[in-house]
N, C-alpha and C. Protein backbone atom coordinates (compact mmCIF):
# COMPACT_ATOMS: atom_id res chain seq x y z
N MET A 1 -130.64 -23.82 -63.46
CA MET A 1 -129.40 -24.15 -64.16
C MET A 1 -128.39 -24.89 -63.24
N PRO A 2 -127.91 -26.07 -63.42
CA PRO A 2 -126.96 -26.64 -62.42
C PRO A 2 -125.62 -26.03 -62.62
N ALA A 3 -124.94 -26.20 -61.56
CA ALA A 3 -123.58 -25.67 -61.37
C ALA A 3 -122.54 -26.46 -62.31
N ASN A 4 -121.45 -25.59 -62.80
CA ASN A 4 -120.60 -26.24 -63.49
C ASN A 4 -119.65 -27.17 -62.44
N LYS A 5 -119.38 -28.38 -62.83
CA LYS A 5 -118.77 -29.27 -62.04
C LYS A 5 -117.24 -28.87 -61.86
N LYS A 6 -116.68 -27.95 -62.64
CA LYS A 6 -115.21 -27.69 -62.34
C LYS A 6 -114.98 -26.73 -61.41
N HIS A 7 -116.17 -26.07 -60.97
CA HIS A 7 -116.11 -25.10 -59.92
C HIS A 7 -116.30 -25.61 -58.57
N LEU A 8 -116.68 -26.90 -58.51
CA LEU A 8 -117.31 -27.56 -57.19
C LEU A 8 -116.08 -28.28 -56.51
N THR A 9 -116.12 -28.35 -55.29
CA THR A 9 -115.01 -29.05 -54.59
C THR A 9 -115.29 -30.53 -54.74
N ALA A 10 -114.23 -31.27 -55.17
CA ALA A 10 -114.23 -32.59 -55.45
C ALA A 10 -114.24 -33.56 -54.22
N SER A 11 -113.23 -33.13 -53.19
CA SER A 11 -113.03 -33.87 -52.01
C SER A 11 -114.16 -33.46 -50.99
N PRO A 12 -114.81 -34.65 -50.32
CA PRO A 12 -115.76 -34.24 -49.32
C PRO A 12 -115.16 -33.78 -48.17
N TRP A 13 -113.97 -34.18 -47.84
CA TRP A 13 -113.31 -33.61 -46.69
C TRP A 13 -112.90 -32.20 -46.90
N GLN A 14 -112.52 -31.72 -47.95
CA GLN A 14 -112.37 -30.28 -48.19
C GLN A 14 -113.59 -29.52 -48.04
N ARG A 15 -114.75 -30.17 -48.48
CA ARG A 15 -116.02 -29.47 -48.33
C ARG A 15 -116.39 -29.46 -46.93
N LEU A 16 -116.24 -30.50 -46.16
CA LEU A 16 -116.54 -30.39 -44.77
C LEU A 16 -115.71 -29.34 -44.06
N LEU A 17 -114.34 -29.37 -44.23
CA LEU A 17 -113.48 -28.35 -43.72
C LEU A 17 -114.08 -26.93 -44.03
N LYS A 18 -114.37 -26.55 -45.27
CA LYS A 18 -115.05 -25.26 -45.62
C LYS A 18 -116.31 -24.93 -44.93
N ILE A 19 -117.08 -25.91 -44.73
CA ILE A 19 -118.41 -25.68 -44.00
C ILE A 19 -118.15 -25.41 -42.53
N THR A 20 -117.37 -26.16 -41.95
CA THR A 20 -117.02 -25.93 -40.58
C THR A 20 -116.36 -24.71 -40.25
N ALA A 21 -115.28 -24.44 -41.05
CA ALA A 21 -114.61 -23.11 -40.99
C ALA A 21 -115.50 -21.88 -41.30
N ALA A 22 -116.46 -22.05 -42.17
CA ALA A 22 -117.34 -21.03 -42.45
C ALA A 22 -118.25 -20.62 -41.11
N PHE A 23 -118.93 -21.66 -40.64
CA PHE A 23 -119.70 -21.59 -39.49
C PHE A 23 -118.93 -21.31 -38.26
N ILE A 24 -118.22 -22.25 -37.80
CA ILE A 24 -117.58 -22.14 -36.56
C ILE A 24 -116.33 -21.13 -36.45
N GLY A 25 -115.49 -21.31 -37.49
CA GLY A 25 -114.37 -20.42 -37.57
C GLY A 25 -114.67 -18.98 -37.77
N GLY A 26 -115.60 -18.81 -38.69
CA GLY A 26 -116.19 -17.36 -38.80
C GLY A 26 -116.79 -16.78 -37.61
N TYR A 27 -117.29 -17.62 -36.87
CA TYR A 27 -118.11 -17.06 -35.60
C TYR A 27 -117.02 -16.89 -34.52
N MET A 28 -115.82 -17.75 -34.55
CA MET A 28 -114.90 -17.43 -33.64
C MET A 28 -114.22 -16.12 -33.82
N VAL A 29 -113.64 -15.93 -35.03
CA VAL A 29 -113.16 -14.73 -35.47
C VAL A 29 -113.95 -13.53 -35.29
N THR A 30 -115.35 -13.58 -35.43
CA THR A 30 -116.25 -12.49 -35.35
C THR A 30 -116.15 -12.20 -33.91
N MET A 31 -116.36 -13.14 -32.79
CA MET A 31 -116.47 -12.86 -31.56
C MET A 31 -115.27 -12.52 -30.72
N SER A 32 -114.10 -13.06 -31.33
CA SER A 32 -112.86 -12.56 -30.74
C SER A 32 -112.50 -11.09 -31.20
N LEU A 33 -112.85 -10.72 -32.38
CA LEU A 33 -112.58 -9.41 -32.79
C LEU A 33 -113.50 -8.37 -31.97
N HIS A 34 -114.71 -8.73 -31.71
CA HIS A 34 -115.38 -7.94 -30.73
C HIS A 34 -114.85 -7.96 -29.25
N LEU A 35 -114.33 -9.03 -28.79
CA LEU A 35 -113.71 -8.96 -27.56
C LEU A 35 -112.50 -8.05 -27.48
N LEU A 36 -111.80 -8.07 -28.64
CA LEU A 36 -110.61 -7.25 -28.77
C LEU A 36 -111.02 -5.63 -28.61
N LEU A 37 -112.12 -5.44 -29.44
CA LEU A 37 -112.63 -4.02 -29.24
C LEU A 37 -113.07 -3.74 -27.92
N MET A 38 -113.61 -4.58 -27.09
CA MET A 38 -114.29 -4.42 -26.06
C MET A 38 -112.99 -4.01 -24.87
N THR A 39 -111.90 -4.58 -25.08
CA THR A 39 -110.87 -4.20 -24.28
C THR A 39 -110.35 -2.81 -24.33
N PHE A 40 -110.37 -2.28 -25.67
CA PHE A 40 -109.89 -0.94 -25.80
C PHE A 40 -111.00 0.29 -25.86
N LEU A 41 -112.25 -0.21 -26.19
CA LEU A 41 -113.35 0.71 -26.24
C LEU A 41 -114.33 0.63 -25.24
N ASP A 42 -115.42 1.46 -25.01
CA ASP A 42 -116.32 1.29 -24.04
C ASP A 42 -117.13 -0.03 -24.39
N LYS A 43 -117.35 -0.72 -23.26
CA LYS A 43 -117.98 -2.10 -23.62
C LYS A 43 -119.47 -1.92 -24.00
N SER A 44 -120.24 -0.92 -23.42
CA SER A 44 -121.61 -0.85 -23.65
C SER A 44 -121.69 -0.51 -25.25
N THR A 45 -120.84 0.38 -25.66
CA THR A 45 -121.11 0.94 -27.04
C THR A 45 -120.78 -0.33 -27.99
N VAL A 46 -119.69 -1.11 -27.77
CA VAL A 46 -119.30 -2.01 -28.60
C VAL A 46 -120.32 -3.25 -28.60
N PHE A 47 -120.94 -3.36 -27.32
CA PHE A 47 -122.01 -4.38 -27.16
C PHE A 47 -123.27 -3.99 -28.00
N MET A 48 -123.60 -2.80 -27.98
CA MET A 48 -124.69 -2.23 -28.85
C MET A 48 -124.48 -2.34 -30.27
N THR A 49 -123.08 -2.11 -30.54
CA THR A 49 -122.93 -2.19 -32.27
C THR A 49 -122.63 -3.78 -32.55
N MET A 50 -122.72 -4.53 -31.55
CA MET A 50 -122.31 -6.10 -31.84
C MET A 50 -123.62 -6.54 -32.45
N LYS A 51 -124.87 -6.06 -32.03
CA LYS A 51 -126.18 -6.57 -32.59
C LYS A 51 -126.23 -6.80 -34.03
N PHE A 52 -125.49 -5.77 -34.70
CA PHE A 52 -125.72 -5.62 -36.03
C PHE A 52 -124.30 -6.15 -36.83
N SER A 53 -123.18 -5.73 -36.23
CA SER A 53 -122.06 -6.03 -36.87
C SER A 53 -121.54 -7.34 -36.81
N VAL A 54 -122.07 -8.18 -35.95
CA VAL A 54 -121.67 -9.57 -35.74
C VAL A 54 -122.17 -10.48 -36.95
N TYR A 55 -123.61 -10.11 -37.25
CA TYR A 55 -124.10 -10.78 -38.44
C TYR A 55 -123.47 -10.49 -39.84
N ILE A 56 -123.09 -9.25 -39.98
CA ILE A 56 -122.45 -8.76 -41.19
C ILE A 56 -120.94 -9.32 -41.43
N LEU A 57 -120.23 -9.33 -40.39
CA LEU A 57 -119.00 -9.71 -40.41
C LEU A 57 -118.88 -11.33 -40.58
N TRP A 58 -119.75 -11.90 -39.79
CA TRP A 58 -119.98 -13.51 -39.87
C TRP A 58 -120.10 -13.87 -41.36
N CYS A 59 -121.14 -13.03 -41.96
CA CYS A 59 -121.59 -13.40 -43.24
C CYS A 59 -120.41 -13.15 -44.23
N VAL A 60 -119.72 -12.19 -44.12
CA VAL A 60 -118.54 -11.91 -44.89
C VAL A 60 -117.54 -13.04 -44.80
N LEU A 61 -117.21 -13.47 -43.54
CA LEU A 61 -116.11 -14.59 -43.16
C LEU A 61 -116.83 -15.96 -43.86
N MET A 62 -117.94 -16.14 -43.85
CA MET A 62 -118.58 -17.29 -44.35
C MET A 62 -118.24 -17.38 -45.88
N ILE A 63 -118.47 -16.33 -46.55
CA ILE A 63 -118.29 -16.11 -47.93
C ILE A 63 -116.95 -16.47 -48.38
N LEU A 64 -115.95 -15.75 -47.46
CA LEU A 64 -114.59 -16.07 -47.74
C LEU A 64 -114.13 -17.33 -47.64
N ALA A 65 -114.75 -17.98 -46.80
CA ALA A 65 -114.47 -19.47 -46.37
C ALA A 65 -114.79 -20.30 -47.64
N PHE A 66 -115.89 -20.14 -47.88
CA PHE A 66 -116.41 -20.83 -49.29
C PHE A 66 -115.66 -20.44 -50.67
N LEU A 67 -115.14 -19.39 -50.63
CA LEU A 67 -114.27 -18.77 -51.84
C LEU A 67 -112.91 -19.41 -51.90
N SER A 68 -112.51 -20.13 -50.80
CA SER A 68 -111.14 -20.44 -50.62
C SER A 68 -111.06 -21.84 -51.22
N THR A 69 -109.82 -22.02 -51.68
CA THR A 69 -109.50 -23.43 -52.33
C THR A 69 -109.14 -24.61 -51.49
N ASN A 70 -108.66 -24.19 -50.26
CA ASN A 70 -108.14 -25.16 -49.36
C ASN A 70 -108.87 -24.99 -47.99
N GLY A 71 -109.39 -25.94 -47.52
CA GLY A 71 -110.14 -25.86 -46.26
C GLY A 71 -109.18 -25.80 -44.93
N TRP A 72 -107.91 -26.46 -45.08
CA TRP A 72 -106.85 -26.42 -44.09
C TRP A 72 -106.42 -24.90 -43.97
N LYS A 73 -106.17 -24.27 -44.99
CA LYS A 73 -105.56 -22.94 -45.02
C LYS A 73 -106.60 -21.98 -44.29
N ILE A 74 -107.96 -22.07 -44.63
CA ILE A 74 -108.81 -21.11 -44.21
C ILE A 74 -108.89 -21.41 -42.70
N TRP A 75 -108.91 -22.69 -42.17
CA TRP A 75 -108.90 -23.08 -40.89
C TRP A 75 -107.80 -22.44 -40.19
N GLY A 76 -106.54 -22.55 -40.64
CA GLY A 76 -105.45 -21.95 -40.12
C GLY A 76 -105.49 -20.47 -40.02
N ILE A 77 -105.98 -19.90 -41.00
CA ILE A 77 -106.03 -18.36 -40.85
C ILE A 77 -107.11 -17.94 -39.85
N TYR A 78 -108.37 -18.64 -39.78
CA TYR A 78 -109.25 -18.22 -38.88
C TYR A 78 -108.84 -18.59 -37.40
N LEU A 79 -108.10 -19.65 -37.13
CA LEU A 79 -107.63 -20.06 -35.76
C LEU A 79 -106.63 -19.04 -35.43
N GLY A 80 -105.70 -18.59 -36.42
CA GLY A 80 -104.62 -17.54 -36.10
C GLY A 80 -105.19 -16.24 -35.68
N LEU A 81 -106.20 -15.65 -36.52
CA LEU A 81 -106.83 -14.48 -36.35
C LEU A 81 -107.55 -14.62 -34.96
N SER A 82 -108.28 -15.69 -34.62
CA SER A 82 -108.93 -15.71 -33.38
C SER A 82 -108.06 -15.63 -32.13
N LEU A 83 -106.82 -16.31 -32.29
CA LEU A 83 -105.95 -16.37 -31.20
C LEU A 83 -105.36 -14.86 -31.23
N LEU A 84 -105.03 -14.29 -32.21
CA LEU A 84 -104.52 -12.95 -32.33
C LEU A 84 -105.51 -11.88 -31.51
N PHE A 85 -106.71 -11.99 -31.97
CA PHE A 85 -107.71 -11.02 -31.30
C PHE A 85 -108.08 -11.32 -30.00
N PHE A 86 -107.96 -12.53 -29.66
CA PHE A 86 -108.30 -12.96 -28.13
C PHE A 86 -107.23 -12.72 -27.19
N LEU A 87 -106.01 -12.69 -27.60
CA LEU A 87 -104.99 -12.68 -26.75
C LEU A 87 -104.88 -11.38 -25.79
N PRO A 88 -105.06 -10.07 -26.34
CA PRO A 88 -105.27 -8.99 -25.56
C PRO A 88 -106.29 -9.03 -24.52
N TYR A 89 -107.47 -9.62 -24.98
CA TYR A 89 -108.63 -9.57 -23.94
C TYR A 89 -108.06 -10.65 -22.93
N LEU A 90 -107.56 -11.61 -23.22
CA LEU A 90 -107.21 -12.57 -22.15
C LEU A 90 -106.13 -12.18 -21.15
N LEU A 91 -105.11 -11.32 -21.75
CA LEU A 91 -104.15 -10.81 -20.98
C LEU A 91 -104.74 -9.70 -19.98
N ARG A 92 -105.60 -8.83 -20.55
CA ARG A 92 -106.17 -7.99 -19.66
C ARG A 92 -107.14 -8.63 -18.62
N LEU A 93 -107.76 -9.67 -18.96
CA LEU A 93 -108.67 -10.50 -17.92
C LEU A 93 -107.79 -10.97 -16.87
N THR A 94 -106.63 -11.44 -17.11
CA THR A 94 -105.86 -12.05 -15.98
C THR A 94 -105.00 -11.17 -15.33
N GLY A 95 -104.88 -9.88 -15.87
CA GLY A 95 -104.18 -8.89 -15.28
C GLY A 95 -102.57 -8.91 -15.54
N ILE A 96 -102.29 -9.49 -16.52
CA ILE A 96 -100.79 -9.50 -16.80
C ILE A 96 -100.34 -8.29 -17.53
């Protein structure tokens, strides 16, 4: 059964933004969240749970990216979350 045309994204640019946000942006958010957890928790414990939680979180973020109506908005949210999660790890890494 084919998809209903009213639910599909009409613009090819929005579709490209959603696809790249799903794959690249979702992966960035996932990895930066785990780096944030590594700054405050035991690294070996977080690394062991990463084997499973990365795939689950990445899949959820991919679904959320495709459910959004605007590709630019989801890219902004994913970049903002990645920066927010990565900043404490970076500050601890530099010693500030």
